[in-house]
Amino acid sequence: MLTINTILKEIKDVPIDRMEELYQYVHSLVLKKKSTEALRKKILSFSGAFSDMTSIDYSDFVNETKMTRTRLFDRNIDL
């Protein structure tokens, strides 16, 4: 199993002129994880948003949303 110490030993052997590239790569991995977590929190903030709707109202909302999407994205466009 790979450990942080194994990775750090390998990093010691990276040439000085490649350190910026290594830093950018490591930084990009961290940012992706952070942005994914932020996106997850934003999505979860909507949980329960429809809980006060009756099942009939929610069903009507879903059907209307589907019809709107169909009208918006299934259009024939002559170019």
N, C-alpha and C. Protein backbone atom coordinates (compact mmCIF):
# COMPACT_ATOMS: atom_id res chain seq x y z
N MET A 1 0.84 -1.18 0.00
CA MET A 1 0.00 0.00 0.00
C MET A 1 0.89 1.25 0.00
N LEU A 2 0.50 2.24 -0.78
CA LEU A 2 1.25 3.47 -0.90
C LEU A 2 1.02 4.34 0.33
N THR A 3 2.09 4.88 0.87
CA THR A 3 1.98 5.76 2.04
C THR A 3 2.53 7.13 1.70
N ILE A 4 2.25 8.09 2.55
CA ILE A 4 2.74 9.45 2.35
C ILE A 4 4.26 9.48 2.36
N ASN A 5 4.88 8.66 3.20
CA ASN A 5 6.35 8.62 3.26
C ASN A 5 6.94 8.13 1.95
N THR A 6 6.32 7.15 1.33
CA THR A 6 6.79 6.65 0.04
C THR A 6 6.71 7.75 -1.01
N ILE A 7 5.62 8.48 -1.01
CA ILE A 7 5.45 9.57 -1.97
C ILE A 7 6.48 10.67 -1.72
N LEU A 8 6.68 11.03 -0.45
CA LEU A 8 7.65 12.07 -0.12
C LEU A 8 9.07 11.67 -0.53
N LYS A 9 9.43 10.40 -0.37
CA LYS A 9 10.75 9.94 -0.81
C LYS A 9 10.92 10.11 -2.31
N GLU A 10 9.87 9.83 -3.06
CA GLU A 10 9.92 10.00 -4.52
C GLU A 10 10.00 11.47 -4.89
N ILE A 11 9.30 12.31 -4.17
CA ILE A 11 9.32 13.75 -4.46
C ILE A 11 10.71 14.33 -4.26
N LYS A 12 11.45 13.80 -3.30
CA LYS A 12 12.82 14.29 -3.07
C LYS A 12 13.68 14.15 -4.31
N ASP A 13 13.38 13.18 -5.17
CA ASP A 13 14.19 12.93 -6.35
C ASP A 13 13.76 13.74 -7.58
N VAL A 14 12.72 14.53 -7.43
CA VAL A 14 12.27 15.35 -8.56
C VAL A 14 13.27 16.48 -8.78
N PRO A 15 13.71 16.68 -10.01
CA PRO A 15 14.67 17.76 -10.28
C PRO A 15 14.07 19.13 -9.93
N ILE A 16 14.94 20.03 -9.51
CA ILE A 16 14.52 21.37 -9.08
C ILE A 16 13.73 22.08 -10.18
N ASP A 17 14.16 21.93 -11.42
CA ASP A 17 13.49 22.64 -12.51
C ASP A 17 12.09 22.09 -12.82
N ARG A 18 11.72 20.98 -12.20
CA ARG A 18 10.39 20.41 -12.41
C ARG A 18 9.47 20.60 -11.21
N MET A 19 9.96 21.27 -10.16
CA MET A 19 9.19 21.45 -8.94
C MET A 19 7.90 22.25 -9.16
N GLU A 20 8.00 23.28 -9.98
CA GLU A 20 6.80 24.09 -10.25
C GLU A 20 5.72 23.24 -10.91
N GLU A 21 6.13 22.42 -11.85
CA GLU A 21 5.19 21.53 -12.54
C GLU A 21 4.57 20.54 -11.55
N LEU A 22 5.39 19.99 -10.68
CA LEU A 22 4.89 19.06 -9.66
C LEU A 22 3.91 19.76 -8.73
N TYR A 23 4.27 20.96 -8.31
CA TYR A 23 3.40 21.73 -7.42
C TYR A 23 2.05 21.99 -8.09
N GLN A 24 2.08 22.42 -9.34
CA GLN A 24 0.84 22.69 -10.06
C GLN A 24 -0.03 21.42 -10.17
N TYR A 25 0.62 20.29 -10.41
CA TYR A 25 -0.13 19.04 -10.51
C TYR A 25 -0.78 18.68 -9.17
N VAL A 26 -0.01 18.73 -8.12
CA VAL A 26 -0.55 18.40 -6.79
C VAL A 26 -1.66 19.38 -6.43
N HIS A 27 -1.44 20.65 -6.72
CA HIS A 27 -2.43 21.67 -6.42
C HIS A 27 -3.73 21.41 -7.19
N SER A 28 -3.63 20.99 -8.44
CA SER A 28 -4.82 20.71 -9.23
C SER A 28 -5.62 19.55 -8.65
N LEU A 29 -4.95 18.57 -8.08
CA LEU A 29 -5.65 17.45 -7.46
C LEU A 29 -6.42 17.90 -6.22
N VAL A 30 -5.81 18.76 -5.45
CA VAL A 30 -6.45 19.26 -4.23
C VAL A 30 -7.64 20.13 -4.58
N LEU A 31 -7.50 21.01 -5.57
CA LEU A 31 -8.60 21.88 -5.95
C LEU A 31 -9.80 21.09 -6.44
N LYS A 32 -9.56 20.05 -7.21
CA LYS A 32 -10.67 19.24 -7.70
C LYS A 32 -11.44 18.64 -6.54
N LYS A 33 -10.73 18.17 -5.55
CA LYS A 33 -11.40 17.59 -4.39
C LYS A 33 -12.19 18.65 -3.64
N LYS A 34 -11.60 19.83 -3.46
CA LYS A 34 -12.29 20.90 -2.74
C LYS A 34 -13.50 21.38 -3.52
N SER A 35 -13.37 21.55 -4.83
CA SER A 35 -14.51 22.03 -5.62
C SER A 35 -15.61 20.98 -5.67
N THR A 36 -15.24 19.71 -5.69
CA THR A 36 -16.23 18.65 -5.66
C THR A 36 -17.00 18.67 -4.34
N GLU A 37 -16.30 18.89 -3.26
CA GLU A 37 -16.95 18.97 -1.96
C GLU A 37 -17.86 20.19 -1.88
N ALA A 38 -17.42 21.31 -2.44
CA ALA A 38 -18.26 22.52 -2.45
C ALA A 38 -19.52 22.29 -3.28
N LEU A 39 -19.37 21.65 -4.42
CA LEU A 39 -20.52 21.34 -5.27
C LEU A 39 -21.48 20.41 -4.55
N ARG A 40 -20.94 19.42 -3.87
CA ARG A 40 -21.77 18.49 -3.11
C ARG A 40 -22.59 19.23 -2.06
N LYS A 41 -21.96 20.17 -1.36
CA LYS A 41 -22.67 20.95 -0.34
C LYS A 41 -23.77 21.80 -0.96
N LYS A 42 -23.49 22.40 -2.13
CA LYS A 42 -24.51 23.20 -2.80
C LYS A 42 -25.71 22.35 -3.19
N ILE A 43 -25.43 21.18 -3.73
CA ILE A 43 -26.51 20.29 -4.14
C ILE A 43 -27.33 19.85 -2.95
N LEU A 44 -26.66 19.49 -1.87
CA LEU A 44 -27.38 19.05 -0.67
C LEU A 44 -28.20 20.17 -0.02
N SER A 45 -27.83 21.42 -0.30
CA SER A 45 -28.59 22.53 0.28
C SER A 45 -30.02 22.56 -0.25
N PHE A 46 -30.27 21.90 -1.37
CA PHE A 46 -31.61 21.85 -1.94
C PHE A 46 -32.44 20.69 -1.39
N SER A 47 -31.83 19.84 -0.60
CA SER A 47 -32.58 18.69 -0.09
C SER A 47 -33.75 19.18 0.74
N GLY A 48 -34.88 18.59 0.51
CA GLY A 48 -36.09 18.96 1.23
C GLY A 48 -36.80 20.17 0.65
N ALA A 49 -36.31 20.70 -0.47
CA ALA A 49 -36.91 21.91 -1.06
C ALA A 49 -38.35 21.68 -1.49
N PHE A 50 -38.71 20.46 -1.82
CA PHE A 50 -40.06 20.17 -2.29
C PHE A 50 -40.89 19.44 -1.24
N SER A 51 -40.40 19.39 -0.02
CA SER A 51 -41.08 18.60 1.01
C SER A 51 -42.44 19.16 1.40
N ASP A 52 -42.67 20.46 1.16
CA ASP A 52 -43.95 21.04 1.53
C ASP A 52 -45.00 20.89 0.43
N MET A 53 -44.63 20.29 -0.71
CA MET A 53 -45.58 20.09 -1.81
C MET A 53 -46.35 18.79 -1.61
N THR A 54 -47.58 18.79 -2.03
CA THR A 54 -48.33 17.53 -2.03
C THR A 54 -47.79 16.66 -3.16
N SER A 55 -48.08 15.39 -3.12
CA SER A 55 -47.59 14.49 -4.16
C SER A 55 -48.18 14.85 -5.52
N ILE A 56 -49.40 15.35 -5.54
CA ILE A 56 -50.03 15.76 -6.80
C ILE A 56 -49.32 17.00 -7.35
N ASP A 57 -49.06 17.98 -6.49
CA ASP A 57 -48.35 19.19 -6.93
C ASP A 57 -46.95 18.84 -7.43
N TYR A 58 -46.26 17.96 -6.73
CA TYR A 58 -44.91 17.57 -7.14
C TYR A 58 -44.95 16.85 -8.49
N SER A 59 -45.93 15.98 -8.67
CA SER A 59 -46.07 15.26 -9.93
C SER A 59 -46.34 16.25 -11.07
N ASP A 60 -47.20 17.24 -10.83
CA ASP A 60 -47.46 18.27 -11.84
C ASP A 60 -46.19 19.05 -12.17
N PHE A 61 -45.42 19.38 -11.14
CA PHE A 61 -44.17 20.11 -11.33
C PHE A 61 -43.20 19.31 -12.19
N VAL A 62 -43.04 18.02 -11.89
CA VAL A 62 -42.13 17.16 -12.65
C VAL A 62 -42.59 17.04 -14.09
N ASN A 63 -43.88 16.85 -14.31
CA ASN A 63 -44.39 16.73 -15.68
C ASN A 63 -44.19 18.02 -16.46
N GLU A 64 -44.45 19.16 -15.83
CA GLU A 64 -44.26 20.45 -16.50
C GLU A 64 -42.78 20.68 -16.83
N THR A 65 -41.90 20.28 -15.92
CA THR A 65 -40.46 20.42 -16.15
C THR A 65 -40.03 19.56 -17.33
N LYS A 66 -40.53 18.34 -17.40
CA LYS A 66 -40.19 17.45 -18.53
C LYS A 66 -40.68 18.02 -19.85
N MET A 67 -41.91 18.56 -19.87
CA MET A 67 -42.43 19.13 -21.11
C MET A 67 -41.62 20.35 -21.53
N THR A 68 -41.26 21.19 -20.56
CA THR A 68 -40.46 22.38 -20.87
C THR A 68 -39.11 21.99 -21.45
N ARG A 69 -38.47 21.01 -20.85
CA ARG A 69 -37.17 20.54 -21.36
C ARG A 69 -37.30 20.01 -22.77
N THR A 70 -38.36 19.26 -23.00
CA THR A 70 -38.57 18.69 -24.34
C THR A 70 -38.74 19.81 -25.36
N ARG A 71 -39.53 20.82 -25.02
CA ARG A 71 -39.73 21.93 -25.95
C ARG A 71 -38.44 22.73 -26.18
N LEU A 72 -37.63 22.87 -25.16
CA LEU A 72 -36.41 23.65 -25.29
C LEU A 72 -35.31 22.93 -26.06
N PHE A 73 -35.16 21.64 -25.80
CA PHE A 73 -33.99 20.94 -26.31
C PHE A 73 -34.27 19.97 -27.46
N ASP A 74 -35.50 19.75 -27.79
CA ASP A 74 -35.82 18.85 -28.90
C ASP A 74 -36.37 19.64 -30.10
N ARG A 75 -35.80 20.81 -30.34
CA ARG A 75 -36.25 21.64 -31.43
C ARG A 75 -35.45 21.32 -32.69
N ASN A 76 -36.09 21.44 -33.82
CA ASN A 76 -35.40 21.35 -35.10
C ASN A 76 -34.91 22.75 -35.46
N ILE A 77 -33.62 22.87 -35.62
CA ILE A 77 -33.03 24.16 -35.95
C ILE A 77 -32.44 24.07 -37.34
N ASP A 78 -32.93 24.92 -38.23
CA ASP A 78 -32.40 24.95 -39.59
C ASP A 78 -31.21 25.91 -39.62
N LEU A 79 -30.08 25.39 -40.00
CA LEU A 79 -28.88 26.22 -40.09
C LEU A 79 -28.54 26.50 -41.53
